C-alpha atoms as a PDB file:
ATOM      1  CA  MET A   1      69.420   0.796 -30.782  1.00  0.00           C
ATOM      2  CA  LYS A   2      68.394   2.509 -33.918  1.00  0.00           C
ATOM      3  CA  ILE A   3      70.273   2.206 -36.942  1.00  0.00           C
ATOM      4  CA  GLN A   4      71.341   5.978 -37.163  1.00  0.00           C
ATOM      5  CA  ASP A   5      73.138   5.504 -33.656  1.00  0.00           C
ATOM      6  CA  THR A   6      74.752   2.214 -34.553  1.00  0.00           C
ATOM      7  CA  ILE A   7      76.155   3.278 -37.619  1.00  0.00           C
ATOM      8  CA  ILE A   8      77.395   6.353 -35.663  1.00  0.00           C
ATOM      9  CA  LYS A   9      78.802   4.586 -32.533  1.00  0.00           C
ATOM     10  CA  LYS A  10      80.506   2.334 -35.132  1.00  0.00           C
ATOM     11  CA  LEU A  11      81.993   5.486 -37.443  1.00  0.00           C
ATOM     12  CA  GLU A  12      83.115   7.017 -34.269  1.00  0.00           C
ATOM     13  CA  ASN A  13      85.043   3.676 -33.472  1.00  0.00           C
ATOM     14  CA  LEU A  14      86.915   3.639 -36.359  1.00  0.00           C
ATOM     15  CA  SER A  15      87.448   7.550 -36.974  1.00  0.00           C
ATOM     16  CA  LYS A  16      87.993   8.635 -33.466  1.00  0.00           C
ATOM     17  CA  LYS A  17      86.369  11.733 -34.192  1.00  0.00           C
ATOM     18  CA  LYS A  18      82.867  12.982 -33.249  1.00  0.00           C
ATOM     19  CA  VAL A  19      80.354  11.616 -36.190  1.00  0.00           C
ATOM     20  CA  ASP A  20      76.981  13.238 -36.790  1.00  0.00           C
ATOM     21  CA  ILE A  21      74.256  12.239 -39.208  1.00  0.00           C
ATOM     22  CA  ASN A  22      75.738  14.901 -41.648  1.00  0.00           C
ATOM     23  CA  SER A  23      79.225  13.915 -41.368  1.00  0.00           C
ATOM     24  CA  LYS A  24      81.035  12.782 -44.650  1.00  0.00           C
ATOM     25  CA  LEU A  25      82.985   9.867 -44.447  1.00  0.00           C
ATOM     26  CA  GLU A  26      85.777  11.749 -46.208  1.00  0.00           C
ATOM     27  CA  ASP A  27      85.964  14.275 -43.093  1.00  0.00           C
ATOM     28  CA  LEU A  28      86.120  11.426 -40.947  1.00  0.00           C
ATOM     29  CA  ASN A  29      89.085   9.895 -42.790  1.00  0.00           C
ATOM     30  CA  ILE A  30      86.870   6.675 -43.457  1.00  0.00           C
ATOM     31  CA  ASP A  31      88.700   4.810 -46.305  1.00  0.00           C
ATOM     32  CA  SER A  32      87.269   1.732 -48.551  1.00  0.00           C
ATOM     33  CA  LEU A  33      88.684  -0.743 -46.018  1.00  0.00           C
ATOM     34  CA  ASP A  34      86.681   1.227 -43.052  1.00  0.00           C
ATOM     35  CA  LEU A  35      84.051   1.474 -45.128  1.00  0.00           C
ATOM     36  CA  ALA A  36      83.760  -2.223 -45.827  1.00  0.00           C
ATOM     37  CA  ASP A  37      84.170  -3.235 -42.356  1.00  0.00           C
ATOM     38  CA  LEU A  38      81.088  -1.160 -41.077  1.00  0.00           C
ATOM     39  CA  ILE A  39      78.756  -2.674 -43.991  1.00  0.00           C
ATOM     40  CA  ILE A  40      79.984  -6.224 -43.273  1.00  0.00           C
ATOM     41  CA  ASP A  41      79.059  -5.259 -39.672  1.00  0.00           C
ATOM     42  CA  ALA A  42      75.793  -3.771 -40.676  1.00  0.00           C
ATOM     43  CA  GLU A  43      74.498  -6.414 -42.561  1.00  0.00           C
ATOM     44  CA  LYS A  44      75.041  -8.767 -40.117  1.00  0.00           C
ATOM     45  CA  GLU A  45      73.524  -6.763 -37.322  1.00  0.00           C
ATOM     46  CA  PHE A  46      70.434  -5.687 -39.716  1.00  0.00           C
ATOM     47  CA  ASN A  47      70.497  -8.977 -41.458  1.00  0.00           C
ATOM     48  CA  ILE A  48      70.531  -7.207 -44.839  1.00  0.00           C
ATOM     49  CA  SER A  49      72.672  -7.550 -47.997  1.00  0.00           C
ATOM     50  CA  ILE A  50      74.121  -4.483 -49.340  1.00  0.00           C
ATOM     51  CA  PRO A  51      74.771  -4.362 -52.925  1.00  0.00           C
ATOM     52  CA  ASP A  52      78.420  -3.940 -54.117  1.00  0.00           C
ATOM     53  CA  GLU A  53      77.294  -0.923 -56.694  1.00  0.00           C
ATOM     54  CA  GLU A  54      75.558   0.965 -53.800  1.00  0.00           C
ATOM     55  CA  LEU A  55      78.796   1.280 -52.060  1.00  0.00           C
ATOM     56  CA  ASN A  56      80.454   3.734 -54.671  1.00  0.00           C
ATOM     57  CA  LYS A  57      77.564   5.851 -54.318  1.00  0.00           C
ATOM     58  CA  ILE A  58      77.957   6.232 -49.953  1.00  0.00           C
ATOM     59  CA  LYS A  59      79.437   9.489 -49.139  1.00  0.00           C
ATOM     60  CA  SER A  60      78.045  10.375 -45.878  1.00  0.00           C
ATOM     61  CA  VAL A  61      76.686   8.954 -42.447  1.00  0.00           C
ATOM     62  CA  LYS A  62      73.195   9.762 -43.567  1.00  0.00           C
ATOM     63  CA  GLU A  63      73.216   7.795 -47.212  1.00  0.00           C
ATOM     64  CA  ILE A  64      74.489   4.911 -45.358  1.00  0.00           C
ATOM     65  CA  VAL A  65      71.380   5.171 -42.735  1.00  0.00           C
ATOM     66  CA  ILE A  66      68.758   5.624 -45.660  1.00  0.00           C
ATOM     67  CA  LEU A  67      70.323   2.909 -47.590  1.00  0.00           C
ATOM     68  CA  ILE A  68      69.963   0.335 -44.424  1.00  0.00           C
ATOM     69  CA  GLU A  69      66.612   1.873 -43.927  1.00  0.00           C
ATOM     70  CA  LYS A  70      65.647   1.288 -47.341  1.00  0.00           C
ATOM     71  CA  LEU A  71      67.010  -2.672 -47.415  1.00  0.00           C
ATOM     72  CA  LYS A  72      65.291  -3.338 -43.957  1.00  0.00           C
ATOM     73  CA  SER A  73      61.734  -2.308 -44.883  1.00  0.00           C
END
């Protein structure tokens, strides 16, 4: 499964809303605890470590996917 598909699926489970790559976390009612859960899952699934300072910059699904792709490469 692609990174994008995995993240979208996890966010849809958290938000109970339809999610696409351009969705803003705020519009999905994703709070800091939801984001932390998502990041922990992503770190385990993709075998990466996301720096805490990067978390504050994430505002959209696309930004999460780009960050994970960058860290995996």
